[in-house]
Amino acid sequence: MSNKTARTLRSFSTCLTVLICLVLAACSPPATLKKRQGYWADQSVPAQAQNQRIRFLVLHYTGGDGPSAIKVLSGPSVSTHYLVGRSPDNRSGAPIVRQLVDENARAWHAGVSDWAGRTNLNDSSIGIEIVNAGPTGPHTWQPFTQQQTQAVIALARDIVARYRIYPKNVVGHSDITPGRKIDPGPAFPWFALYQAGVGAWPDETRVASYYKRFAYNMPDIADIQRGLAQYGYEVPVTGVLDSRTRKVLTSFQMHFRPSHYSGQPDADTVARLWALNDKYHRE
């Protein structure tokens, strides 16, 4: 075969390939047309009025050991998206966590709940259960291990980044169900998560400033109730230190002042609340 003939054949082959690709492209549906069972979905015009379903990240403890937690959470009554063990295995230096429910699905972890004006947070949250026994005595709690804390940080940081979850919407089960649930409890290392970029925490200089003010002139109960509601808690403004308000204060203290969680308002608690609202409140 002469060089001229070979070049001609190569040119013909190239043209044929291009022609086939053009024909196939003309026959293929556009990328925005999706074939489904019995119909096509045209996705060429997306609506602007939409947002992510996931708005909240809720952290829990299991109240028992790992095998018991897996049995309960894989059963018919309750579930969670993720489960973090006390000593997670790792692969290539990264912890392994169990995913029990797809993030696109609704897990049954929050129950009757309220936060930031929303109810039934199962519909709009991802749940993480952490293997921990909770209370081990009248005033003692099982500590969370360093390994599982690092696993929770890695998992939570990824979820928060992907769904752009606002810091004050990273909450404990007790925050969204005051009095009904107490997990993840005062032993949970909220400040360590904050330092890693997950969740909220008040600025200490602002806390100190408010503390000086409130040590001599505490806000009244109605103002404290309004402050708690402003931050996200469901609490009526009654002007009375009623049972609901004490339960909410206990939840707040376990999260942001875990050394003392009596449910009674004091200057340190209220200073932290005011500092948090300064830092995170959105109108």
C-alpha atoms as a PDB file:
ATOM      1  CA  MET A   1       0.000   0.000   0.000  1.00  0.00           C
ATOM      2  CA  SER A   2       1.417   3.377  -0.990  1.00  0.00           C
ATOM      3  CA  ASN A   3       1.816   6.207   1.496  1.00  0.00           C
ATOM      4  CA  LYS A   4      -0.787   8.231  -0.416  1.00  0.00           C
ATOM      5  CA  THR A   5      -3.320   5.386  -0.162  1.00  0.00           C
ATOM      6  CA  ALA A   6      -2.630   4.944   3.554  1.00  0.00           C
ATOM      7  CA  ARG A   7      -3.139   8.656   4.185  1.00  0.00           C
ATOM      8  CA  THR A   8      -6.380   8.565   2.235  1.00  0.00           C
ATOM      9  CA  LEU A   9      -7.675   5.616   4.263  1.00  0.00           C
ATOM     10  CA  ARG A  10      -6.735   7.310   7.553  1.00  0.00           C
ATOM     11  CA  SER A  11      -8.494  10.489   6.477  1.00  0.00           C
ATOM     12  CA  PHE A  12     -11.585   8.512   5.499  1.00  0.00           C
ATOM     13  CA  SER A  13     -11.541   6.629   8.811  1.00  0.00           C
ATOM     14  CA  THR A  14     -11.295   9.885  10.757  1.00  0.00           C
ATOM     15  CA  CYS A  15     -14.182  11.433   8.839  1.00  0.00           C
ATOM     16  CA  LEU A  16     -16.274   8.307   9.378  1.00  0.00           C
ATOM     17  CA  THR A  17     -15.571   8.385  13.113  1.00  0.00           C
ATOM     18  CA  VAL A  18     -16.574  12.038  13.328  1.00  0.00           C
ATOM     19  CA  LEU A  19     -19.749  11.346  11.340  1.00  0.00           C
ATOM     20  CA  ILE A  20     -20.704   8.444  13.617  1.00  0.00           C
ATOM     21  CA  CYS A  21     -20.155  10.621  16.699  1.00  0.00           C
ATOM     22  CA  LEU A  22     -22.322  13.366  15.253  1.00  0.00           C
ATOM     23  CA  VAL A  23     -25.074  10.894  14.428  1.00  0.00           C
ATOM     24  CA  LEU A  24     -24.931   9.369  17.900  1.00  0.00           C
ATOM     25  CA  ALA A  25     -24.960  12.803  19.508  1.00  0.00           C
ATOM     26  CA  ALA A  26     -27.977  13.780  17.457  1.00  0.00           C
ATOM     27  CA  CYS A  27     -29.749  10.605  18.549  1.00  0.00           C
ATOM     28  CA  SER A  28     -28.801  10.910  22.244  1.00  0.00           C
ATOM     29  CA  PRO A  29     -31.074  12.876  24.571  1.00  0.00           C
ATOM     30  CA  PRO A  30     -29.685  16.081  26.073  1.00  0.00           C
ATOM     31  CA  ALA A  31     -28.034  15.778  29.478  1.00  0.00           C
ATOM     32  CA  THR A  32     -30.998  17.526  31.117  1.00  0.00           C
ATOM     33  CA  LEU A  33     -33.477  14.912  29.840  1.00  0.00           C
ATOM     34  CA  LYS A  34     -33.552  11.933  32.224  1.00  0.00           C
ATOM     35  CA  LYS A  35     -35.174   8.600  31.361  1.00  0.00           C
ATOM     36  CA  ARG A  36     -37.183   7.102  34.167  1.00  0.00           C
ATOM     37  CA  GLN A  37     -39.641   4.268  34.525  1.00  0.00           C
ATOM     38  CA  GLY A  38     -42.344   5.019  31.941  1.00  0.00           C
ATOM     39  CA  TYR A  39     -41.480   8.696  31.314  1.00  0.00           C
ATOM     40  CA  TRP A  40     -38.794  11.307  30.681  1.00  0.00           C
ATOM     41  CA  ALA A  41     -37.996  14.131  33.136  1.00  0.00           C
ATOM     42  CA  ASP A  42     -36.966  17.434  31.526  1.00  0.00           C
ATOM     43  CA  GLN A  43     -34.557  19.170  33.944  1.00  0.00           C
ATOM     44  CA  SER A  44     -33.537  21.993  31.628  1.00  0.00           C
ATOM     45  CA  VAL A  45     -35.206  24.775  33.686  1.00  0.00           C
ATOM     46  CA  PRO A  46     -34.332  24.540  37.416  1.00  0.00           C
ATOM     47  CA  ALA A  47     -36.398  26.573  39.870  1.00  0.00           C
ATOM     48  CA  GLN A  48     -34.665  29.237  41.951  1.00  0.00           C
ATOM     49  CA  ALA A  49     -37.025  28.773  44.924  1.00  0.00           C
ATOM     50  CA  GLN A  50     -35.350  25.764  46.526  1.00  0.00           C
ATOM     51  CA  ASN A  51     -32.800  24.862  49.185  1.00  0.00           C
ATOM     52  CA  GLN A  52     -31.186  21.868  50.824  1.00  0.00           C
ATOM     53  CA  ARG A  53     -33.500  19.624  52.839  1.00  0.00           C
ATOM     54  CA  ILE A  54     -30.770  19.227  55.454  1.00  0.00           C
ATOM     55  CA  ARG A  55     -30.638  22.233  57.782  1.00  0.00           C
ATOM     56  CA  PHE A  56     -29.558  20.661  61.099  1.00  0.00           C
ATOM     57  CA  LEU A  57     -27.044  18.185  62.509  1.00  0.00           C
ATOM     58  CA  VAL A  58     -28.205  16.437  65.688  1.00  0.00           C
ATOM     59  CA  LEU A  59     -25.773  14.607  67.979  1.00  0.00           C
ATOM     60  CA  HIS A  60     -26.828  11.835  70.381  1.00  0.00           C
ATOM     61  CA  TYR A  61     -25.332   9.231  72.654  1.00  0.00           C
ATOM     62  CA  THR A  62     -26.626   5.668  72.528  1.00  0.00           C
ATOM     63  CA  GLY A  63     -27.039   5.102  76.260  1.00  0.00           C
ATOM     64  CA  GLY A  64     -25.487   1.654  75.944  1.00  0.00           C
ATOM     65  CA  ASP A  65     -22.747  -0.375  74.270  1.00  0.00           C
ATOM     66  CA  GLY A  66     -22.016  -0.800  70.569  1.00  0.00           C
ATOM     67  CA  PRO A  67     -23.688  -4.176  69.896  1.00  0.00           C
ATOM     68  CA  SER A  68     -26.860  -3.077  71.700  1.00  0.00           C
ATOM     69  CA  ALA A  69     -26.895   0.175  69.740  1.00  0.00           C
ATOM     70  CA  ILE A  70     -26.549  -1.593  66.396  1.00  0.00           C
ATOM     71  CA  LYS A  71     -29.376  -3.955  67.287  1.00  0.00           C
ATOM     72  CA  VAL A  72     -31.720  -1.134  68.281  1.00  0.00           C
ATOM     73  CA  LEU A  73     -30.765   1.299  65.523  1.00  0.00           C
ATOM     74  CA  SER A  74     -31.081  -1.291  62.766  1.00  0.00           C
ATOM     75  CA  GLY A  75     -34.499  -2.395  64.039  1.00  0.00           C
ATOM     76  CA  PRO A  76     -38.018  -1.186  63.186  1.00  0.00           C
ATOM     77  CA  SER A  77     -38.502   1.591  65.742  1.00  0.00           C
ATOM     78  CA  VAL A  78     -35.577   4.050  65.719  1.00  0.00           C
ATOM     79  CA  SER A  79     -32.660   4.768  63.419  1.00  0.00           C
ATOM     80  CA  THR A  80     -29.858   7.196  62.711  1.00  0.00           C
ATOM     81  CA  HIS A  81     -27.798   8.139  59.718  1.00  0.00           C
ATOM     82  CA  TYR A  82     -24.444   7.434  61.377  1.00  0.00           C
ATOM     83  CA  LEU A  83     -23.115   5.494  64.358  1.00  0.00           C
ATOM     84  CA  VAL A  84     -19.672   6.163  65.826  1.00  0.00           C
ATOM     85  CA  GLY A  85     -18.163   3.470  68.051  1.00  0.00           C
ATOM     86  CA  ARG A  86     -15.962   3.995  71.096  1.00  0.00           C
ATOM     87  CA  SER A  87     -12.850   2.722  69.314  1.00  0.00           C
ATOM     88  CA  PRO A  88     -13.525   3.094  65.579  1.00  0.00           C
ATOM     89  CA  ASP A  89     -11.484   0.977  63.207  1.00  0.00           C
ATOM     90  CA  ASN A  90      -9.514   2.913  60.643  1.00  0.00           C
ATOM     91  CA  ARG A  91      -8.421   2.495  57.082  1.00  0.00           C
ATOM     92  CA  SER A  92      -5.358   4.313  55.757  1.00  0.00           C
ATOM     93  CA  GLY A  93      -5.320   6.403  58.916  1.00  0.00           C
ATOM     94  CA  ALA A  94      -8.967   7.541  58.683  1.00  0.00           C
ATOM     95  CA  PRO A  95     -11.698   6.338  61.075  1.00  0.00           C
ATOM     96  CA  ILE A  96     -14.497   4.073  59.896  1.00  0.00           C
ATOM     97  CA  VAL A  97     -18.032   5.017  60.970  1.00  0.00           C
ATOM     98  CA  ARG A  98     -21.197   3.046  60.320  1.00  0.00           C
ATOM     99  CA  GLN A  99     -23.783   4.573  57.994  1.00  0.00           C
ATOM    100  CA  LEU A 100     -27.181   3.035  58.719  1.00  0.00           C
ATOM    101  CA  VAL A 101     -29.421   5.382  56.708  1.00  0.00           C
ATOM    102  CA  ASP A 102     -28.714   7.186  53.443  1.00  0.00           C
ATOM    103  CA  GLU A 103     -28.467  10.950  53.907  1.00  0.00           C
ATOM    104  CA  ASN A 104     -31.264  11.439  51.379  1.00  0.00           C
ATOM    105  CA  ALA A 105     -33.598   9.368  53.537  1.00  0.00           C
ATOM    106  CA  ARG A 106     -35.355  10.336  56.761  1.00  0.00           C
ATOM    107  CA  ALA A 107     -33.934   8.644  59.864  1.00  0.00           C
ATOM    108  CA  TRP A 108     -35.992   8.331  63.057  1.00  0.00           C
ATOM    109  CA  HIS A 109     -33.633   9.885  65.577  1.00  0.00           C
ATOM    110  CA  ALA A 110     -35.056  13.232  66.724  1.00  0.00           C
ATOM    111  CA  GLY A 111     -38.683  12.427  67.532  1.00  0.00           C
ATOM    112  CA  VAL A 112     -40.924  15.260  68.710  1.00  0.00           C
ATOM    113  CA  SER A 113     -38.536  18.197  68.450  1.00  0.00           C
ATOM    114  CA  ASP A 114     -38.219  21.954  67.972  1.00  0.00           C
ATOM    115  CA  TRP A 115     -35.383  24.219  66.973  1.00  0.00           C
ATOM    116  CA  ALA A 116     -35.208  27.706  65.487  1.00  0.00           C
ATOM    117  CA  GLY A 117     -38.905  27.737  64.653  1.00  0.00           C
ATOM    118  CA  ARG A 118     -38.928  24.311  63.001  1.00  0.00           C
ATOM    119  CA  THR A 119     -40.568  21.174  64.339  1.00  0.00           C
ATOM    120  CA  ASN A 120     -40.147  17.437  63.692  1.00  0.00           C
ATOM    121  CA  LEU A 121     -36.471  17.729  62.893  1.00  0.00           C
ATOM    122  CA  ASN A 122     -36.300  14.221  61.457  1.00  0.00           C
ATOM    123  CA  ASP A 123     -37.485  15.880  58.248  1.00  0.00           C
ATOM    124  CA  SER A 124     -34.600  18.326  58.006  1.00  0.00           C
ATOM    125  CA  SER A 125     -31.641  16.867  59.863  1.00  0.00           C
ATOM    126  CA  ILE A 126     -28.883  14.280  59.854  1.00  0.00           C
ATOM    127  CA  GLY A 127     -28.438  12.284  63.055  1.00  0.00           C
ATOM    128  CA  ILE A 128     -25.192  10.975  64.526  1.00  0.00           C
ATOM    129  CA  GLU A 129     -25.349   8.465  67.388  1.00  0.00           C
ATOM    130  CA  ILE A 130     -22.196   8.073  69.468  1.00  0.00           C
ATOM    131  CA  VAL A 131     -21.653   4.944  71.548  1.00  0.00           C
ATOM    132  CA  ASN A 132     -21.639   6.154  75.148  1.00  0.00           C
ATOM    133  CA  ALA A 133     -23.380   4.965  78.315  1.00  0.00           C
ATOM    134  CA  GLY A 134     -24.340   8.471  79.450  1.00  0.00           C
ATOM    135  CA  PRO A 135     -24.853   8.854  83.226  1.00  0.00           C
ATOM    136  CA  THR A 136     -22.821   6.411  85.325  1.00  0.00           C
ATOM    137  CA  GLY A 137     -23.846   7.871  88.689  1.00  0.00           C
ATOM    138  CA  PRO A 138     -25.751  10.782  90.248  1.00  0.00           C
ATOM    139  CA  HIS A 139     -23.262  13.364  88.935  1.00  0.00           C
ATOM    140  CA  THR A 140     -20.897  11.335  86.736  1.00  0.00           C
ATOM    141  CA  TRP A 141     -20.947  10.640  83.018  1.00  0.00           C
ATOM    142  CA  GLN A 142     -18.995   8.247  80.845  1.00  0.00           C
ATOM    143  CA  PRO A 143     -16.304  10.187  78.974  1.00  0.00           C
ATOM    144  CA  PHE A 144     -16.110  10.119  75.203  1.00  0.00           C
ATOM    145  CA  THR A 145     -12.901   8.572  73.896  1.00  0.00           C
ATOM    146  CA  GLN A 146     -10.369  10.594  71.976  1.00  0.00           C
ATOM    147  CA  GLN A 147     -10.685   8.219  69.008  1.00  0.00           C
ATOM    148  CA  GLN A 148     -14.429   8.615  68.711  1.00  0.00           C
ATOM    149  CA  THR A 149     -14.247  12.361  69.258  1.00  0.00           C
ATOM    150  CA  GLN A 150     -11.859  12.642  66.313  1.00  0.00           C
ATOM    151  CA  ALA A 151     -14.160  10.421  64.243  1.00  0.00           C
ATOM    152  CA  VAL A 152     -17.173  12.579  65.133  1.00  0.00           C
ATOM    153  CA  ILE A 153     -15.223  15.716  64.206  1.00  0.00           C
ATOM    154  CA  ALA A 154     -14.234  14.298  60.806  1.00  0.00           C
ATOM    155  CA  LEU A 155     -17.786  13.146  60.079  1.00  0.00           C
ATOM    156  CA  ALA A 156     -19.502  16.295  61.338  1.00  0.00           C
ATOM    157  CA  ARG A 157     -17.072  18.610  59.576  1.00  0.00           C
ATOM    158  CA  ASP A 158     -17.798  16.885  56.280  1.00  0.00           C
ATOM    159  CA  ILE A 159     -21.583  17.049  56.766  1.00  0.00           C
ATOM    160  CA  VAL A 160     -21.520  20.694  57.847  1.00  0.00           C
ATOM    161  CA  ALA A 161     -19.425  21.672  54.834  1.00  0.00           C
ATOM    162  CA  ARG A 162     -21.528  19.788  52.289  1.00  0.00           C
ATOM    163  CA  TYR A 163     -24.865  21.100  53.555  1.00  0.00           C
ATOM    164  CA  ARG A 164     -23.605  24.506  54.738  1.00  0.00           C
ATOM    165  CA  ILE A 165     -25.136  23.986  58.167  1.00  0.00           C
ATOM    166  CA  TYR A 166     -25.029  27.154  60.236  1.00  0.00           C
ATOM    167  CA  PRO A 167     -23.015  26.740  63.484  1.00  0.00           C
ATOM    168  CA  LYS A 168     -25.930  27.165  65.896  1.00  0.00           C
ATOM    169  CA  ASN A 169     -27.845  24.474  63.975  1.00  0.00           C
ATOM    170  CA  VAL A 170     -25.355  21.832  65.145  1.00  0.00           C
ATOM    171  CA  VAL A 171     -27.271  20.726  68.227  1.00  0.00           C
ATOM    172  CA  GLY A 172     -27.639  17.999  70.793  1.00  0.00           C
ATOM    173  CA  HIS A 173     -30.743  15.877  71.197  1.00  0.00           C
ATOM    174  CA  SER A 174     -31.307  17.655  74.513  1.00  0.00           C
ATOM    175  CA  ASP A 175     -31.316  21.059  72.787  1.00  0.00           C
ATOM    176  CA  ILE A 176     -34.230  20.128  70.538  1.00  0.00           C
ATOM    177  CA  THR A 177     -36.160  18.126  73.166  1.00  0.00           C
ATOM    178  CA  PRO A 178     -35.465  19.816  76.550  1.00  0.00           C
ATOM    179  CA  GLY A 179     -36.497  17.660  79.475  1.00  0.00           C
ATOM    180  CA  ARG A 180     -37.341  14.656  77.333  1.00  0.00           C
ATOM    181  CA  LYS A 181     -33.766  13.804  76.341  1.00  0.00           C
ATOM    182  CA  ILE A 182     -30.415  14.642  77.937  1.00  0.00           C
ATOM    183  CA  ASP A 183     -27.974  13.360  75.313  1.00  0.00           C
ATOM    184  CA  PRO A 184     -25.222  13.836  74.366  1.00  0.00           C
ATOM    185  CA  GLY A 185     -24.853  15.116  77.933  1.00  0.00           C
ATOM    186  CA  PRO A 186     -22.425  17.449  79.707  1.00  0.00           C
ATOM    187  CA  ALA A 187     -19.426  15.179  79.072  1.00  0.00           C
ATOM    188  CA  PHE A 188     -19.674  15.715  75.326  1.00  0.00           C
ATOM    189  CA  PRO A 189     -16.720  17.800  74.044  1.00  0.00           C
ATOM    190  CA  TRP A 190     -18.641  20.595  72.311  1.00  0.00           C
ATOM    191  CA  PHE A 191     -15.718  23.002  72.622  1.00  0.00           C
ATOM    192  CA  ALA A 192     -13.365  20.551  70.870  1.00  0.00           C
ATOM    193  CA  LEU A 193     -15.823  20.375  67.974  1.00  0.00           C
ATOM    194  CA  TYR A 194     -16.014  24.162  67.842  1.00  0.00           C
ATOM    195  CA  GLN A 195     -12.222  24.406  67.742  1.00  0.00           C
ATOM    196  CA  ALA A 196     -12.290  22.002  64.778  1.00  0.00           C
ATOM    197  CA  GLY A 197     -14.815  24.169  62.928  1.00  0.00           C
ATOM    198  CA  VAL A 198     -18.040  22.419  63.937  1.00  0.00           C
ATOM    199  CA  GLY A 199     -20.864  24.090  65.845  1.00  0.00           C
ATOM    200  CA  ALA A 200     -21.160  27.230  67.942  1.00  0.00           C
ATOM    201  CA  TRP A 201     -19.378  28.608  70.992  1.00  0.00           C
ATOM    202  CA  PRO A 202     -19.422  32.049  72.621  1.00  0.00           C
ATOM    203  CA  ASP A 203     -16.412  34.348  72.520  1.00  0.00           C
ATOM    204  CA  GLU A 204     -14.912  34.361  76.003  1.00  0.00           C
ATOM    205  CA  THR A 205     -14.106  38.080  75.958  1.00  0.00           C
ATOM    206  CA  ARG A 206     -17.751  38.860  75.244  1.00  0.00           C
ATOM    207  CA  VAL A 207     -18.835  36.397  77.963  1.00  0.00           C
ATOM    208  CA  ALA A 208     -16.565  38.142  80.472  1.00  0.00           C
ATOM    209  CA  SER A 209     -17.975  41.527  79.515  1.00  0.00           C
ATOM    210  CA  TYR A 210     -21.561  40.400  79.961  1.00  0.00           C
ATOM    211  CA  TYR A 211     -20.696  38.590  83.195  1.00  0.00           C
ATOM    212  CA  LYS A 212     -19.461  41.815  84.772  1.00  0.00           C
ATOM    213  CA  ARG A 213     -22.736  43.458  83.796  1.00  0.00           C
ATOM    214  CA  PHE A 214     -25.021  40.656  84.954  1.00  0.00           C
ATOM    215  CA  ALA A 215     -23.207  39.922  88.222  1.00  0.00           C
ATOM    216  CA  TYR A 216     -24.902  43.025  89.643  1.00  0.00           C
ATOM    217  CA  ASN A 217     -27.948  43.375  87.415  1.00  0.00           C
ATOM    218  CA  MET A 218     -29.412  40.163  86.012  1.00  0.00           C
ATOM    219  CA  PRO A 219     -31.989  40.328  83.201  1.00  0.00           C
ATOM    220  CA  ASP A 220     -35.492  39.355  84.255  1.00  0.00           C
ATOM    221  CA  ILE A 221     -36.924  35.938  83.416  1.00  0.00           C
ATOM    222  CA  ALA A 222     -38.910  37.228  80.439  1.00  0.00           C
ATOM    223  CA  ASP A 223     -35.721  38.622  78.858  1.00  0.00           C
ATOM    224  CA  ILE A 224     -33.910  35.350  79.495  1.00  0.00           C
ATOM    225  CA  GLN A 225     -36.768  33.443  77.869  1.00  0.00           C
ATOM    226  CA  ARG A 226     -36.619  35.774  74.883  1.00  0.00           C
ATOM    227  CA  GLY A 227     -32.856  35.222  74.664  1.00  0.00           C
ATOM    228  CA  LEU A 228     -33.257  31.449  74.699  1.00  0.00           C
ATOM    229  CA  ALA A 229     -35.963  31.643  72.037  1.00  0.00           C
ATOM    230  CA  GLN A 230     -33.795  33.956  69.961  1.00  0.00           C
ATOM    231  CA  TYR A 231     -30.984  31.428  69.996  1.00  0.00           C
ATOM    232  CA  GLY A 232     -33.255  28.582  68.895  1.00  0.00           C
ATOM    233  CA  TYR A 233     -34.906  26.959  71.909  1.00  0.00           C
ATOM    234  CA  GLU A 234     -38.667  26.489  72.054  1.00  0.00           C
ATOM    235  CA  VAL A 235     -39.687  28.334  75.212  1.00  0.00           C
ATOM    236  CA  PRO A 236     -42.754  30.534  75.833  1.00  0.00           C
ATOM    237  CA  VAL A 237     -42.166  34.009  77.223  1.00  0.00           C
ATOM    238  CA  THR A 238     -44.143  33.792  80.461  1.00  0.00           C
ATOM    239  CA  GLY A 239     -41.974  35.908  82.752  1.00  0.00           C
ATOM    240  CA  VAL A 240     -41.999  32.998  85.210  1.00  0.00           C
ATOM    241  CA  LEU A 241     -39.204  30.505  85.941  1.00  0.00           C
ATOM    242  CA  ASP A 242     -41.503  27.629  85.122  1.00  0.00           C
ATOM    243  CA  SER A 243     -40.749  23.963  84.502  1.00  0.00           C
ATOM    244  CA  ARG A 244     -40.254  24.421  80.758  1.00  0.00           C
ATOM    245  CA  THR A 245     -37.802  27.268  81.251  1.00  0.00           C
ATOM    246  CA  ARG A 246     -35.760  25.275  83.777  1.00  0.00           C
ATOM    247  CA  LYS A 247     -35.588  22.327  81.369  1.00  0.00           C
ATOM    248  CA  VAL A 248     -34.420  24.579  78.553  1.00  0.00           C
ATOM    249  CA  LEU A 249     -31.832  26.213  80.805  1.00  0.00           C
ATOM    250  CA  THR A 250     -30.542  22.782  81.813  1.00  0.00           C
ATOM    251  CA  SER A 251     -30.135  21.809  78.142  1.00  0.00           C
ATOM    252  CA  PHE A 252     -28.392  25.102  77.402  1.00  0.00           C
ATOM    253  CA  GLN A 253     -26.044  24.698  80.358  1.00  0.00           C
ATOM    254  CA  MET A 254     -25.154  21.091  79.460  1.00  0.00           C
ATOM    255  CA  HIS A 255     -24.143  22.349  76.019  1.00  0.00           C
ATOM    256  CA  PHE A 256     -22.394  25.638  76.827  1.00  0.00           C
ATOM    257  CA  ARG A 257     -21.585  25.529  80.556  1.00  0.00           C
ATOM    258  CA  PRO A 258     -21.361  21.801  81.410  1.00  0.00           C
ATOM    259  CA  SER A 259     -19.699  22.302  84.793  1.00  0.00           C
ATOM    260  CA  HIS A 260     -23.006  23.421  86.297  1.00  0.00           C
ATOM    261  CA  TYR A 261     -26.403  22.515  84.827  1.00  0.00           C
ATOM    262  CA  SER A 262     -28.961  23.058  87.559  1.00  0.00           C
ATOM    263  CA  GLY A 263     -31.501  24.757  85.302  1.00  0.00           C
ATOM    264  CA  GLN A 264     -31.288  27.906  87.418  1.00  0.00           C
ATOM    265  CA  PRO A 265     -30.343  31.164  85.687  1.00  0.00           C
ATOM    266  CA  ASP A 266     -27.111  32.798  86.853  1.00  0.00           C
ATOM    267  CA  ALA A 267     -24.779  35.492  85.560  1.00  0.00           C
ATOM    268  CA  ASP A 268     -22.413  33.068  83.778  1.00  0.00           C
ATOM    269  CA  THR A 269     -25.233  31.217  81.987  1.00  0.00           C
ATOM    270  CA  VAL A 270     -26.941  34.402  80.866  1.00  0.00           C
ATOM    271  CA  ALA A 271     -23.632  35.970  79.797  1.00  0.00           C
ATOM    272  CA  ARG A 272     -22.992  32.970  77.557  1.00  0.00           C
ATOM    273  CA  LEU A 273     -26.482  33.199  76.087  1.00  0.00           C
ATOM    274  CA  TRP A 274     -26.130  36.914  75.327  1.00  0.00           C
ATOM    275  CA  ALA A 275     -22.666  36.343  73.806  1.00  0.00           C
ATOM    276  CA  LEU A 276     -23.992  33.551  71.587  1.00  0.00           C
ATOM    277  CA  ASN A 277     -26.828  35.697  70.310  1.00  0.00           C
ATOM    278  CA  ASP A 278     -24.397  38.508  69.560  1.00  0.00           C
ATOM    279  CA  LYS A 279     -22.284  36.123  67.527  1.00  0.00           C
ATOM    280  CA  TYR A 280     -24.794  33.913  65.736  1.00  0.00           C
ATOM    281  CA  HIS A 281     -28.258  35.425  65.724  1.00  0.00           C
ATOM    282  CA  ARG A 282     -29.719  36.102  62.301  1.00  0.00           C
ATOM    283  CA  GLU A 283     -32.825  38.207  61.872  1.00  0.00           C
END
